[in-house]
N, C-alpha and C. Protein backbone atom coordinates (compact mmCIF):
# COMPACT_ATOMS: atom_id res chain seq x y z
N MET A 1 -123.71 31.46 10.65
CA MET A 1 -123.20 30.15 10.99
C MET A 1 -122.06 30.24 12.01
N VAL A 2 -121.21 31.23 11.84
CA VAL A 2 -120.10 31.39 12.76
C VAL A 2 -120.60 31.67 14.18
N LEU A 3 -121.61 32.52 14.29
CA LEU A 3 -122.16 32.82 15.61
C LEU A 3 -122.78 31.60 16.28
N VAL A 4 -123.38 30.76 15.51
CA VAL A 4 -124.00 29.56 16.06
C VAL A 4 -122.95 28.62 16.64
N LEU A 5 -121.80 28.54 15.99
CA LEU A 5 -120.73 27.66 16.46
C LEU A 5 -119.85 28.31 17.53
N TRP A 6 -119.66 29.62 17.42
CA TRP A 6 -118.72 30.31 18.29
C TRP A 6 -119.38 30.85 19.56
N LEU A 7 -120.58 31.35 19.46
CA LEU A 7 -121.20 32.06 20.57
C LEU A 7 -121.49 31.19 21.80
N PRO A 8 -122.08 30.02 21.69
CA PRO A 8 -122.35 29.23 22.92
C PRO A 8 -121.10 28.90 23.74
N PRO A 9 -120.00 28.42 23.13
CA PRO A 9 -118.81 28.18 23.96
C PRO A 9 -118.24 29.47 24.55
N ARG A 10 -118.32 30.54 23.81
CA ARG A 10 -117.81 31.82 24.31
C ARG A 10 -118.62 32.30 25.51
N LEU A 11 -119.93 32.16 25.46
CA LEU A 11 -120.79 32.55 26.57
C LEU A 11 -120.51 31.69 27.82
N ARG A 12 -120.28 30.38 27.60
CA ARG A 12 -119.93 29.51 28.73
C ARG A 12 -118.61 29.95 29.36
N TRP A 13 -117.61 30.30 28.52
CA TRP A 13 -116.33 30.75 29.04
C TRP A 13 -116.50 32.05 29.82
N ILE A 14 -117.30 32.97 29.31
CA ILE A 14 -117.53 34.25 30.01
C ILE A 14 -118.15 34.00 31.37
N ARG A 15 -119.11 33.09 31.45
CA ARG A 15 -119.74 32.77 32.72
C ARG A 15 -118.74 32.16 33.71
N ARG A 16 -117.93 31.20 33.22
CA ARG A 16 -116.92 30.58 34.08
C ARG A 16 -115.88 31.60 34.54
N ALA A 17 -115.45 32.47 33.62
CA ALA A 17 -114.45 33.48 33.97
C ALA A 17 -115.00 34.46 35.00
N ALA A 18 -116.24 34.86 34.86
CA ALA A 18 -116.85 35.78 35.83
C ALA A 18 -116.97 35.11 37.20
N THR A 19 -117.33 33.84 37.21
CA THR A 19 -117.42 33.11 38.48
C THR A 19 -116.06 32.99 39.14
N THR A 20 -115.03 32.71 38.35
CA THR A 20 -113.68 32.59 38.88
C THR A 20 -113.20 33.92 39.44
N ARG A 21 -113.45 35.01 38.73
CA ARG A 21 -113.05 36.34 39.22
C ARG A 21 -113.77 36.69 40.51
N ARG A 22 -115.08 36.38 40.57
CA ARG A 22 -115.84 36.63 41.79
C ARG A 22 -115.28 35.82 42.95
N LEU A 23 -114.90 34.59 42.66
CA LEU A 23 -114.32 33.73 43.69
C LEU A 23 -113.04 34.33 44.23
N LEU A 24 -112.21 34.87 43.36
CA LEU A 24 -110.96 35.48 43.80
C LEU A 24 -111.22 36.66 44.72
N ASP A 25 -112.28 37.41 44.45
CA ASP A 25 -112.58 38.60 45.24
C ASP A 25 -113.25 38.28 46.57
N ASP A 26 -113.81 37.08 46.73
CA ASP A 26 -114.47 36.68 47.97
C ASP A 26 -113.44 36.36 49.06
N VAL A 27 -113.90 36.40 50.29
CA VAL A 27 -113.05 36.01 51.43
C VAL A 27 -112.71 34.53 51.29
N GLY A 28 -111.44 34.21 51.32
CA GLY A 28 -110.99 32.83 51.18
C GLY A 28 -110.99 32.33 49.75
N GLY A 29 -111.32 33.17 48.81
CA GLY A 29 -111.38 32.75 47.41
C GLY A 29 -110.03 32.39 46.84
N ALA A 30 -109.01 33.15 47.20
CA ALA A 30 -107.66 32.83 46.72
C ALA A 30 -107.23 31.46 47.22
N ASP A 31 -107.65 31.13 48.44
CA ASP A 31 -107.33 29.82 49.00
C ASP A 31 -107.99 28.70 48.19
N LEU A 32 -109.24 28.92 47.80
CA LEU A 32 -109.94 27.92 46.98
C LEU A 32 -109.33 27.79 45.59
N LEU A 33 -108.92 28.92 45.01
CA LEU A 33 -108.25 28.86 43.71
C LEU A 33 -106.91 28.14 43.83
N ALA A 34 -106.21 28.35 44.94
CA ALA A 34 -104.95 27.65 45.16
C ALA A 34 -105.19 26.14 45.25
N LEU A 35 -106.25 25.76 45.93
CA LEU A 35 -106.59 24.34 46.01
C LEU A 35 -106.92 23.78 44.63
N ARG A 36 -107.63 24.57 43.82
CA ARG A 36 -107.92 24.15 42.45
C ARG A 36 -106.64 23.94 41.66
N ALA A 37 -105.65 24.82 41.86
CA ALA A 37 -104.37 24.67 41.16
C ALA A 37 -103.65 23.40 41.62
N LEU A 38 -103.72 23.11 42.91
CA LEU A 38 -103.04 21.92 43.43
C LEU A 38 -103.67 20.63 42.94
N THR A 39 -104.98 20.63 42.72
CA THR A 39 -105.67 19.41 42.34
C THR A 39 -105.82 19.27 40.83
N GLY A 40 -105.41 20.28 40.08
CA GLY A 40 -105.53 20.22 38.63
C GLY A 40 -104.26 19.70 37.98
N PRO A 41 -104.13 19.94 36.68
CA PRO A 41 -102.92 19.51 35.96
C PRO A 41 -101.67 20.14 36.59
N GLN A 42 -100.61 19.38 36.62
CA GLN A 42 -99.39 19.79 37.32
C GLN A 42 -98.46 20.67 36.51
N ARG A 43 -98.72 20.87 35.24
CA ARG A 43 -97.76 21.57 34.39
C ARG A 43 -97.50 23.02 34.81
N GLY A 44 -98.47 23.72 35.37
CA GLY A 44 -98.26 25.10 35.77
C GLY A 44 -97.55 25.25 37.10
N LEU A 45 -97.49 24.17 37.85
CA LEU A 45 -96.89 24.23 39.18
C LEU A 45 -95.37 24.22 39.14
N ALA A 46 -94.79 23.82 38.03
CA ALA A 46 -93.33 23.75 37.94
C ALA A 46 -92.68 25.13 38.04
N ALA A 47 -93.42 26.18 37.70
CA ALA A 47 -92.87 27.53 37.74
C ALA A 47 -92.80 28.10 39.15
N ILE A 48 -93.47 27.45 40.10
CA ILE A 48 -93.49 27.93 41.48
C ILE A 48 -92.37 27.24 42.26
N SER A 49 -91.57 28.04 42.95
CA SER A 49 -90.51 27.43 43.76
C SER A 49 -91.15 26.84 45.01
N ALA A 50 -90.93 25.57 45.19
CA ALA A 50 -91.55 24.84 46.31
C ALA A 50 -90.77 25.08 47.59
N PRO A 51 -91.45 25.53 48.63
CA PRO A 51 -90.79 25.69 49.93
C PRO A 51 -90.53 24.33 50.56
N PRO A 52 -89.76 24.28 51.62
CA PRO A 52 -89.54 23.01 52.31
C PRO A 52 -90.88 22.39 52.72
N GLY A 53 -91.04 21.13 52.40
CA GLY A 53 -92.29 20.44 52.70
C GLY A 53 -93.22 20.38 51.51
N GLY A 54 -92.99 21.20 50.50
CA GLY A 54 -93.79 21.17 49.29
C GLY A 54 -94.92 22.19 49.28
N LEU A 55 -95.53 22.30 48.11
CA LEU A 55 -96.58 23.29 47.92
C LEU A 55 -97.83 22.97 48.74
N ALA A 56 -98.20 21.70 48.79
CA ALA A 56 -99.41 21.33 49.52
C ALA A 56 -99.26 21.64 51.01
N ASP A 57 -98.09 21.39 51.56
CA ASP A 57 -97.85 21.68 52.97
C ASP A 57 -97.91 23.19 53.22
N ALA A 58 -97.32 23.97 52.33
CA ALA A 58 -97.36 25.42 52.47
C ALA A 58 -98.79 25.93 52.36
N TRP A 59 -99.59 25.34 51.47
CA TRP A 59 -101.00 25.72 51.35
C TRP A 59 -101.74 25.41 52.65
N ARG A 60 -101.51 24.22 53.21
CA ARG A 60 -102.18 23.84 54.46
C ARG A 60 -101.80 24.77 55.61
N ARG A 61 -100.55 25.22 55.64
CA ARG A 61 -100.12 26.14 56.70
C ARG A 61 -100.64 27.55 56.49
N GLY A 62 -101.15 27.85 55.30
CA GLY A 62 -101.69 29.18 55.01
C GLY A 62 -100.64 30.17 54.55
N ASP A 63 -99.57 29.68 53.94
CA ASP A 63 -98.50 30.54 53.42
C ASP A 63 -99.07 31.43 52.31
N GLN A 64 -99.19 32.73 52.60
CA GLN A 64 -99.85 33.65 51.67
C GLN A 64 -99.13 33.79 50.33
N GLN A 65 -97.80 33.72 50.34
CA GLN A 65 -97.04 33.80 49.09
C GLN A 65 -97.37 32.62 48.19
N VAL A 66 -97.38 31.43 48.74
CA VAL A 66 -97.68 30.23 47.96
C VAL A 66 -99.14 30.25 47.50
N ILE A 67 -100.05 30.66 48.37
CA ILE A 67 -101.47 30.74 47.99
C ILE A 67 -101.65 31.72 46.85
N SER A 68 -100.97 32.84 46.90
CA SER A 68 -101.06 33.83 45.83
C SER A 68 -100.53 33.27 44.51
N GLU A 69 -99.39 32.61 44.55
CA GLU A 69 -98.81 32.04 43.33
C GLU A 69 -99.68 30.92 42.77
N LEU A 70 -100.24 30.09 43.65
CA LEU A 70 -101.11 29.01 43.18
C LEU A 70 -102.41 29.56 42.60
N SER A 71 -102.96 30.60 43.21
CA SER A 71 -104.19 31.17 42.65
C SER A 71 -103.93 31.82 41.29
N GLU A 72 -102.74 32.36 41.08
CA GLU A 72 -102.39 32.90 39.77
C GLU A 72 -102.33 31.78 38.73
N VAL A 73 -101.84 30.61 39.12
CA VAL A 73 -101.83 29.46 38.20
C VAL A 73 -103.25 29.09 37.82
N ALA A 74 -104.15 29.07 38.80
CA ALA A 74 -105.55 28.72 38.52
C ALA A 74 -106.20 29.76 37.61
N LEU A 75 -105.88 31.03 37.81
CA LEU A 75 -106.43 32.07 36.94
C LEU A 75 -105.93 31.92 35.51
N ARG A 76 -104.64 31.65 35.36
CA ARG A 76 -104.10 31.48 34.00
C ARG A 76 -104.73 30.28 33.31
N ARG A 77 -104.97 29.19 34.07
CA ARG A 77 -105.63 28.03 33.47
C ARG A 77 -107.04 28.36 32.99
N ALA A 78 -107.68 29.29 33.69
CA ALA A 78 -109.03 29.70 33.30
C ALA A 78 -109.01 30.72 32.17
N GLY A 79 -107.81 31.12 31.75
CA GLY A 79 -107.69 32.08 30.65
C GLY A 79 -107.80 33.51 31.10
N LEU A 80 -107.51 33.78 32.38
CA LEU A 80 -107.60 35.13 32.93
C LEU A 80 -106.22 35.64 33.30
N GLN A 81 -106.08 36.94 33.32
CA GLN A 81 -104.84 37.56 33.76
C GLN A 81 -104.83 37.64 35.27
N PRO A 82 -103.75 37.24 35.92
CA PRO A 82 -103.67 37.34 37.39
C PRO A 82 -103.64 38.78 37.86
């Protein structure tokens, strides 16, 4: 009974986590994860120090430090270690 209730959600999470990890490893993947962090819940963004103009402006300019920090937020939301 436990496997019937636990296994399907766990398999879905494994699939999503693998897709997210693959995305991070692809060219431009960190940029897409950063965009996901910007468009998702705002609670994880408070830990990132915002440069002048804000996080979205830094993302648009291609600031690699901000993109890296935002992609780490997206990974943590997905339940993965950055």
